[in-house]
């Protein structure tokens, strides 16, 4: 096994401070990239997609649960499969309380092509509380490139798509797939993909922090058992 070099505490501290300069530069670059992502234009969704979930049939607008933003995790679970993807399952395993996302007006759901009667027992087996919907029978996965055709066969791939709601109108703001999911799982990592971001005053472009008519995002953080929602 190849292990790190053994050095003195002073040598380690010098190396750590040198790396810290690069880490801070990466953080500033990430902030700039997130701001550029929030400046992306958006596309209105006019297709009437129909999903099936725990409460029966649902539209894309229903998936928002009345909130302003929706983050969809494209979970790989084809109709002919008996269980969901192992890697996608590992991804859902790392997601914590959704209340912190909800406090920022954002709903997170999973969507798969498998029929809901297949999803339900697997979700129960995994013990997940993330809302999970079936897009079986619709072209939702194809439209958002989570299911692709390759050499005459349908191929699934994991991804995340973000949507913004303006009253009854729904807009697609962002999507990313495969390696684009690296590092996702925390509340802030999902918010960084959305049009409204973390809703903090320091974020660019200005004006998004107050878009929901509420205090800045950090001011809305509570213990997860203290949220009214």
Foldseek 3Di string as FASTA:
>chain_A
DDDDDDDDPVVVVVVVVVVVVVVVVVVVVLLVVLQVLLVFDWAWDPDFFWKQFPVGIDTPLVQLVPFFKEKEKAWEDAQPDQATDPVSLVLQVLADDCLLVVLVRYAYAYEYQHHVVSVVVRCVVSVGPHTYIHRHPHCVCVVQVQWDADPNDIDGWIKMWMWGDDPPIIITRDMDTDVVCPPDRYSQNRLSNYSLHQLACPHPPHDSVCPVVDHGSVVSDDPSVPDPD
